[in-house]
C-alpha cells in the first residue's frame, strides 16, 4: 500500500471517485443490497475496470505505433 494520498498516486480519477462514493451511498443507505448482490456488483465493477485498463493500454500502444 502506498504512503501517498490517492490524489498523488497514478491513475487517480476524481470523477470516478465521486461516482463510487454515490454508489456506496446507494448500496448502504438508499437501496440496501443483499450480500450476494454486493458480490455480483463487485464482480461486474471489476470486469468493467479491467476492460477500461485494457482499452487504455491499447490506445497508448496505438498512439506509439502511429508516432513511429
PDB file of N, CA and C in Angstrom:
ATOM      1  N   UNK A   1       0.841  -1.179   0.000  1.00  0.00           N
ATOM      2  CA  UNK A   1       0.000   0.000   0.000  1.00  0.00           C
ATOM      3  C   UNK A   1       0.885   1.240   0.000  1.00  0.00           C
ATOM      4  N   UNK A   2       0.514   2.239  -0.735  1.00  0.00           N
ATOM      5  CA  UNK A   2       1.300   3.457  -0.862  1.00  0.00           C
ATOM      6  C   UNK A   2       1.083   4.369   0.339  1.00  0.00           C
ATOM      7  N   UNK A   3       2.142   5.101   0.716  1.00  0.00           N
ATOM      8  CA  UNK A   3       2.031   6.080   1.795  1.00  0.00           C
ATOM      9  C   UNK A   3       1.460   7.393   1.294  1.00  0.00           C
ATOM     10  N   UNK A   4       1.333   7.536  -0.017  1.00  0.00           N
ATOM     11  CA  UNK A   4       0.844   8.769  -0.605  1.00  0.00           C
ATOM     12  C   UNK A   4      -0.677   8.777  -0.613  1.00  0.00           C
ATOM     13  N   UNK A   5      -1.273   9.992  -0.559  1.00  0.00           N
ATOM     14  CA  UNK A   5      -2.738  10.057  -0.664  1.00  0.00           C
ATOM     15  C   UNK A   5      -3.175   9.618  -2.050  1.00  0.00           C
ATOM     16  N   UNK A   6      -4.435   9.190  -2.209  1.00  0.00           N
ATOM     17  CA  UNK A   6      -4.897   8.711  -3.512  1.00  0.00           C
ATOM     18  C   UNK A   6      -4.676   9.713  -4.632  1.00  0.00           C
ATOM     19  N   UNK A   7      -4.794  11.016  -4.349  1.00  0.00           N
ATOM     20  CA  UNK A   7      -4.627  12.027  -5.378  1.00  0.00           C
ATOM     21  C   UNK A   7      -3.230  12.001  -5.977  1.00  0.00           C
ATOM     22  N   UNK A   8      -2.251  11.572  -5.193  1.00  0.00           N
ATOM     23  CA  UNK A   8      -0.865  11.593  -5.647  1.00  0.00           C
ATOM     24  C   UNK A   8      -0.471  10.311  -6.371  1.00  0.00           C
ATOM     25  N   UNK A   9      -1.296   9.290  -6.297  1.00  0.00           N
ATOM     26  CA  UNK A   9      -0.956   8.034  -6.939  1.00  0.00           C
ATOM     27  C   UNK A   9      -1.392   8.048  -8.388  1.00  0.00           C
ATOM     28  N   UNK A  10      -0.716   7.270  -9.186  1.00  0.00           N
ATOM     29  CA  UNK A  10      -1.017   7.212 -10.610  1.00  0.00           C
ATOM     30  C   UNK A  10      -2.408   6.623 -10.838  1.00  0.00           C
ATOM     31  N   UNK A  11      -3.137   7.216 -11.751  1.00  0.00           N
ATOM     32  CA  UNK A  11      -4.425   6.681 -12.117  1.00  0.00           C
ATOM     33  C   UNK A  11      -5.593   7.177 -11.280  1.00  0.00           C
ATOM     34  N   UNK A  12      -5.376   8.064 -10.327  1.00  0.00           N
ATOM     35  CA  UNK A  12      -6.483   8.567  -9.517  1.00  0.00           C
ATOM     36  C   UNK A  12      -7.387   9.419 -10.392  1.00  0.00           C
ATOM     37  N   UNK A  13      -8.673   9.148 -10.335  1.00  0.00           N
ATOM     38  CA  UNK A  13      -9.660   9.849 -11.146  1.00  0.00           C
ATOM     39  C   UNK A  13     -10.709  10.443 -10.206  1.00  0.00           C
ATOM     40  N   UNK A  14     -10.684  11.773  -9.978  1.00  0.00           N
ATOM     41  CA  UNK A  14     -11.635  12.382  -9.036  1.00  0.00           C
ATOM     42  C   UNK A  14     -13.096  12.167  -9.434  1.00  0.00           C
ATOM     43  N   UNK A  15     -13.373  12.165 -10.731  1.00  0.00           N
ATOM     44  CA  UNK A  15     -14.743  11.952 -11.195  1.00  0.00           C
ATOM     45  C   UNK A  15     -15.206  10.536 -10.858  1.00  0.00           C
ATOM     46  N   UNK A  16     -14.336   9.565 -11.096  1.00  0.00           N
ATOM     47  CA  UNK A  16     -14.657   8.179 -10.764  1.00  0.00           C
ATOM     48  C   UNK A  16     -14.828   8.016  -9.259  1.00  0.00           C
ATOM     49  N   UNK A  17     -13.986   8.667  -8.481  1.00  0.00           N
ATOM     50  CA  UNK A  17     -14.075   8.597  -7.028  1.00  0.00           C
ATOM     51  C   UNK A  17     -15.432   9.116  -6.544  1.00  0.00           C
ATOM     52  N   UNK A  18     -15.894  10.215  -7.126  1.00  0.00           N
ATOM     53  CA  UNK A  18     -17.191  10.777  -6.751  1.00  0.00           C
ATOM     54  C   UNK A  18     -18.328   9.815  -7.089  1.00  0.00           C
ATOM     55  N   UNK A  19     -18.254   9.185  -8.242  1.00  0.00           N
ATOM     56  CA  UNK A  19     -19.288   8.227  -8.643  1.00  0.00           C
ATOM     57  C   UNK A  19     -19.284   7.024  -7.710  1.00  0.00           C
ATOM     58  N   UNK A  20     -18.097   6.529  -7.367  1.00  0.00           N
ATOM     59  CA  UNK A  20     -18.020   5.378  -6.462  1.00  0.00           C
ATOM     60  C   UNK A  20     -18.606   5.703  -5.096  1.00  0.00           C
ATOM     61  N   UNK A  21     -18.402   6.926  -4.611  1.00  0.00           N
ATOM     62  CA  UNK A  21     -18.988   7.333  -3.333  1.00  0.00           C
ATOM     63  C   UNK A  21     -20.509   7.336  -3.409  1.00  0.00           C
ATOM     64  N   UNK A  22     -21.055   7.768  -4.551  1.00  0.00           N
ATOM     65  CA  UNK A  22     -22.509   7.740  -4.729  1.00  0.00           C
ATOM     66  C   UNK A  22     -23.022   6.305  -4.755  1.00  0.00           C
ATOM     67  N   UNK A  23     -22.290   5.416  -5.418  1.00  0.00           N
ATOM     68  CA  UNK A  23     -22.684   4.009  -5.470  1.00  0.00           C
ATOM     69  C   UNK A  23     -22.692   3.413  -4.063  1.00  0.00           C
ATOM     70  N   UNK A  24     -21.668   3.720  -3.281  1.00  0.00           N
ATOM     71  CA  UNK A  24     -21.623   3.211  -1.906  1.00  0.00           C
ATOM     72  C   UNK A  24     -22.797   3.723  -1.091  1.00  0.00           C
ATOM     73  N   UNK A  25     -23.177   4.976  -1.293  1.00  0.00           N
ATOM     74  CA  UNK A  25     -24.325   5.526  -0.568  1.00  0.00           C
ATOM     75  C   UNK A  25     -25.590   4.759  -0.937  1.00  0.00           C
ATOM     76  N   UNK A  26     -25.750   4.456  -2.218  1.00  0.00           N
ATOM     77  CA  UNK A  26     -26.921   3.694  -2.652  1.00  0.00           C
ATOM     78  C   UNK A  26     -26.916   2.303  -2.025  1.00  0.00           C
ATOM     79  N   UNK A  27     -25.753   1.659  -2.051  1.00  0.00           N
ATOM     80  CA  UNK A  27     -25.655   0.295  -1.514  1.00  0.00           C
ATOM     81  C   UNK A  27     -25.980   0.256  -0.023  1.00  0.00           C
ATOM     82  N   UNK A  28     -25.489   1.218   0.728  1.00  0.00           N
ATOM     83  CA  UNK A  28     -25.628   1.152   2.185  1.00  0.00           C
ATOM     84  C   UNK A  28     -26.840   1.887   2.745  1.00  0.00           C
ATOM     85  N   UNK A  29     -27.330   2.922   2.039  1.00  0.00           N
ATOM     86  CA  UNK A  29     -28.402   3.735   2.621  1.00  0.00           C
ATOM     87  C   UNK A  29     -29.693   3.692   1.821  1.00  0.00           C
ATOM     88  N   UNK A  30     -29.615   4.082   0.569  1.00  0.00           N
ATOM     89  CA  UNK A  30     -30.816   4.276  -0.232  1.00  0.00           C
ATOM     90  C   UNK A  30     -31.468   2.963  -0.673  1.00  0.00           C
ATOM     91  N   UNK A  31     -30.672   1.985  -1.016  1.00  0.00           N
ATOM     92  CA  UNK A  31     -31.191   0.718  -1.534  1.00  0.00           C
ATOM     93  C   UNK A  31     -30.266  -0.410  -1.089  1.00  0.00           C
ATOM     94  N   UNK A  32     -30.402  -0.831   0.161  1.00  0.00           N
ATOM     95  CA  UNK A  32     -29.500  -1.875   0.673  1.00  0.00           C
ATOM     96  C   UNK A  32     -29.540  -3.135  -0.191  1.00  0.00           C
ATOM     97  N   UNK A  33     -28.369  -3.665  -0.466  1.00  0.00           N
ATOM     98  CA  UNK A  33     -28.240  -4.871  -1.275  1.00  0.00           C
ATOM     99  C   UNK A  33     -27.952  -6.072  -0.376  1.00  0.00           C
ATOM    100  N   UNK A  34     -28.355  -7.233  -0.859  1.00  0.00           N
ATOM    101  CA  UNK A  34     -28.034  -8.469  -0.146  1.00  0.00           C
ATOM    102  C   UNK A  34     -26.548  -8.773  -0.361  1.00  0.00           C
ATOM    103  N   UNK A  35     -25.966  -9.613   0.477  1.00  0.00           N
ATOM    104  CA  UNK A  35     -24.547  -9.963   0.274  1.00  0.00           C
ATOM    105  C   UNK A  35     -24.277 -10.528  -1.120  1.00  0.00           C
ATOM    106  N   UNK A  36     -25.175 -11.341  -1.649  1.00  0.00           N
ATOM    107  CA  UNK A  36     -24.986 -11.900  -2.983  1.00  0.00           C
ATOM    108  C   UNK A  36     -25.019 -10.798  -4.046  1.00  0.00           C
ATOM    109  N   UNK A  37     -25.917  -9.838  -3.896  1.00  0.00           N
ATOM    110  CA  UNK A  37     -25.990  -8.726  -4.855  1.00  0.00           C
ATOM    111  C   UNK A  37     -24.714  -7.890  -4.811  1.00  0.00           C
ATOM    112  N   UNK A  38     -24.149  -7.717  -3.616  1.00  0.00           N
ATOM    113  CA  UNK A  38     -22.898  -6.965  -3.485  1.00  0.00           C
ATOM    114  C   UNK A  38     -21.765  -7.709  -4.188  1.00  0.00           C
ATOM    115  N   UNK A  39     -21.723  -9.031  -4.053  1.00  0.00           N
ATOM    116  CA  UNK A  39     -20.695  -9.816  -4.738  1.00  0.00           C
ATOM    117  C   UNK A  39     -20.826  -9.704  -6.256  1.00  0.00           C
ATOM    118  N   UNK A  40     -22.047  -9.769  -6.759  1.00  0.00           N
ATOM    119  CA  UNK A  40     -22.276  -9.644  -8.201  1.00  0.00           C
ATOM    120  C   UNK A  40     -21.873  -8.259  -8.676  1.00  0.00           C
ATOM    121  N   UNK A  41     -22.258  -7.234  -7.929  1.00  0.00           N
ATOM    122  CA  UNK A  41     -21.888  -5.867  -8.284  1.00  0.00           C
ATOM    123  C   UNK A  41     -20.375  -5.689  -8.281  1.00  0.00           C
ATOM    124  N   UNK A  42     -19.721  -6.220  -7.273  1.00  0.00           N
ATOM    125  CA  UNK A  42     -18.268  -6.132  -7.178  1.00  0.00           C
ATOM    126  C   UNK A  42     -17.600  -6.794  -8.376  1.00  0.00           C
ATOM    127  N   UNK A  43     -18.092  -7.957  -8.735  1.00  0.00           N
ATOM    128  CA  UNK A  43     -17.537  -8.675  -9.878  1.00  0.00           C
ATOM    129  C   UNK A  43     -17.711  -7.881 -11.167  1.00  0.00           C
ATOM    130  N   UNK A  44     -18.882  -7.310 -11.342  1.00  0.00           N
ATOM    131  CA  UNK A  44     -19.156  -6.531 -12.554  1.00  0.00           C
ATOM    132  C   UNK A  44     -18.300  -5.260 -12.610  1.00  0.00           C
ATOM    133  N   UNK A  45     -18.141  -4.596 -11.474  1.00  0.00           N
ATOM    134  CA  UNK A  45     -17.301  -3.396 -11.436  1.00  0.00           C
ATOM    135  C   UNK A  45     -15.844  -3.740 -11.737  1.00  0.00           C
ATOM    136  N   UNK A  46     -15.390  -4.878 -11.229  1.00  0.00           N
ATOM    137  CA  UNK A  46     -14.025  -5.311 -11.509  1.00  0.00           C
ATOM    138  C   UNK A  46     -13.859  -5.595 -13.001  1.00  0.00           C
ATOM    139  N   UNK A  47     -14.836  -6.260 -13.600  1.00  0.00           N
ATOM    140  CA  UNK A  47     -14.792  -6.557 -15.029  1.00  0.00           C
ATOM    141  C   UNK A  47     -14.729  -5.268 -15.849  1.00  0.00           C
ATOM    142  N   UNK A  48     -15.545  -4.288 -15.470  1.00  0.00           N
ATOM    143  CA  UNK A  48     -15.536  -3.011 -16.181  1.00  0.00           C
ATOM    144  C   UNK A  48     -14.203  -2.287 -16.014  1.00  0.00           C
ATOM    145  N   UNK A  49     -13.639  -2.365 -14.812  1.00  0.00           N
ATOM    146  CA  UNK A  49     -12.351  -1.733 -14.563  1.00  0.00           C
ATOM    147  C   UNK A  49     -11.246  -2.350 -15.398  1.00  0.00           C
ATOM    148  N   UNK A  50     -11.234  -3.663 -15.493  1.00  0.00           N
ATOM    149  CA  UNK A  50     -10.226  -4.352 -16.313  1.00  0.00           C
ATOM    150  C   UNK A  50     -10.418  -3.977 -17.779  1.00  0.00           C
ATOM    151  N   UNK A  51     -11.659  -3.940 -18.226  1.00  0.00           N
ATOM    152  CA  UNK A  51     -11.940  -3.562 -19.610  1.00  0.00           C
ATOM    153  C   UNK A  51     -11.413  -2.149 -19.902  1.00  0.00           C
ATOM    154  N   UNK A  52     -11.633  -1.239 -18.959  1.00  0.00           N
ATOM    155  CA  UNK A  52     -11.165   0.149 -19.122  1.00  0.00           C
ATOM    156  C   UNK A  52      -9.632   0.200 -19.203  1.00  0.00           C
ATOM    157  N   UNK A  53      -8.949  -0.578 -18.359  1.00  0.00           N
ATOM    158  CA  UNK A  53      -7.484  -0.602 -18.392  1.00  0.00           C
ATOM    159  C   UNK A  53      -6.959  -1.158 -19.706  1.00  0.00           C
ATOM    160  N   UNK A  54      -7.604  -2.211 -20.196  1.00  0.00           N
ATOM    161  CA  UNK A  54      -7.178  -2.796 -21.473  1.00  0.00           C
ATOM    162  C   UNK A  54      -7.362  -1.787 -22.595  1.00  0.00           C
ATOM    163  N   UNK A  55      -8.486  -1.097 -22.616  1.00  0.00           N
ATOM    164  CA  UNK A  55      -8.717  -0.080 -23.647  1.00  0.00           C
ATOM    165  C   UNK A  55      -7.656   1.013 -23.581  1.00  0.00           C
ATOM    166  N   UNK A  56      -7.316   1.442 -22.375  1.00  0.00           N
ATOM    167  CA  UNK A  56      -6.309   2.492 -22.197  1.00  0.00           C
ATOM    168  C   UNK A  56      -4.952   2.032 -22.727  1.00  0.00           C
ATOM    169  N   UNK A  57      -4.564   0.808 -22.410  1.00  0.00           N
ATOM    170  CA  UNK A  57      -3.277   0.290 -22.877  1.00  0.00           C
ATOM    171  C   UNK A  57      -3.265   0.125 -24.393  1.00  0.00           C
ATOM    172  N   UNK A  58      -4.376  -0.337 -24.959  1.00  0.00           N
ATOM    173  CA  UNK A  58      -4.453  -0.458 -26.417  1.00  0.00           C
ATOM    174  C   UNK A  58      -4.359   0.903 -27.092  1.00  0.00           C
ATOM    175  N   UNK A  59      -5.001   1.908 -26.504  1.00  0.00           N
ATOM    176  CA  UNK A  59      -4.942   3.276 -27.047  1.00  0.00           C
ATOM    177  C   UNK A  59      -3.505   3.812 -27.004  1.00  0.00           C
ATOM    178  N   UNK A  60      -2.819   3.583 -25.888  1.00  0.00           N
ATOM    179  CA  UNK A  60      -1.425   4.036 -25.770  1.00  0.00           C
ATOM    180  C   UNK A  60      -0.537   3.317 -26.782  1.00  0.00           C
ATOM    181  N   UNK A  61      -0.748   2.017 -26.948  1.00  0.00           N
ATOM    182  CA  UNK A  61       0.039   1.246 -27.909  1.00  0.00           C
ATOM    183  C   UNK A  61      -0.207   1.773 -29.325  1.00  0.00           C
ATOM    184  N   UNK A  62      -1.477   2.031 -29.656  1.00  0.00           N
ATOM    185  CA  UNK A  62      -1.813   2.547 -30.982  1.00  0.00           C
ATOM    186  C   UNK A  62      -1.182   3.922 -31.207  1.00  0.00           C
ATOM    187  N   UNK A  63      -1.176   4.764 -30.195  1.00  0.00           N
ATOM    188  CA  UNK A  63      -0.563   6.089 -30.317  1.00  0.00           C
ATOM    189  C   UNK A  63       0.936   5.974 -30.572  1.00  0.00           C
ATOM    190  N   UNK A  64       1.581   5.006 -29.906  1.00  0.00           N
ATOM    191  CA  UNK A  64       3.020   4.797 -30.140  1.00  0.00           C
ATOM    192  C   UNK A  64       3.259   4.320 -31.560  1.00  0.00           C
ATOM    193  N   UNK A  65       2.411   3.421 -32.051  1.00  0.00           N
ATOM    194  CA  UNK A  65       2.555   2.894 -33.409  1.00  0.00           C
ATOM    195  C   UNK A  65       2.327   4.003 -34.450  1.00  0.00           C
ATOM    196  N   UNK A  66       1.375   4.891 -34.172  1.00  0.00           N
ATOM    197  CA  UNK A  66       1.088   5.994 -35.094  1.00  0.00           C
ATOM    198  C   UNK A  66       2.218   7.002 -35.162  1.00  0.00           C
ATOM    199  N   UNK A  67       2.954   7.150 -34.039  1.00  0.00           N
ATOM    200  CA  UNK A  67       4.025   8.156 -34.000  1.00  0.00           C
ATOM    201  C   UNK A  67       5.331   7.637 -34.593  1.00  0.00           C
ATOM    202  N   UNK A  68       5.402   6.349 -34.898  1.00  0.00           N
ATOM    203  CA  UNK A  68       6.632   5.765 -35.458  1.00  0.00           C
ATOM    204  C   UNK A  68       6.671   5.939 -36.944  1.00  0.00           C
TER     205      UNK A  68
END
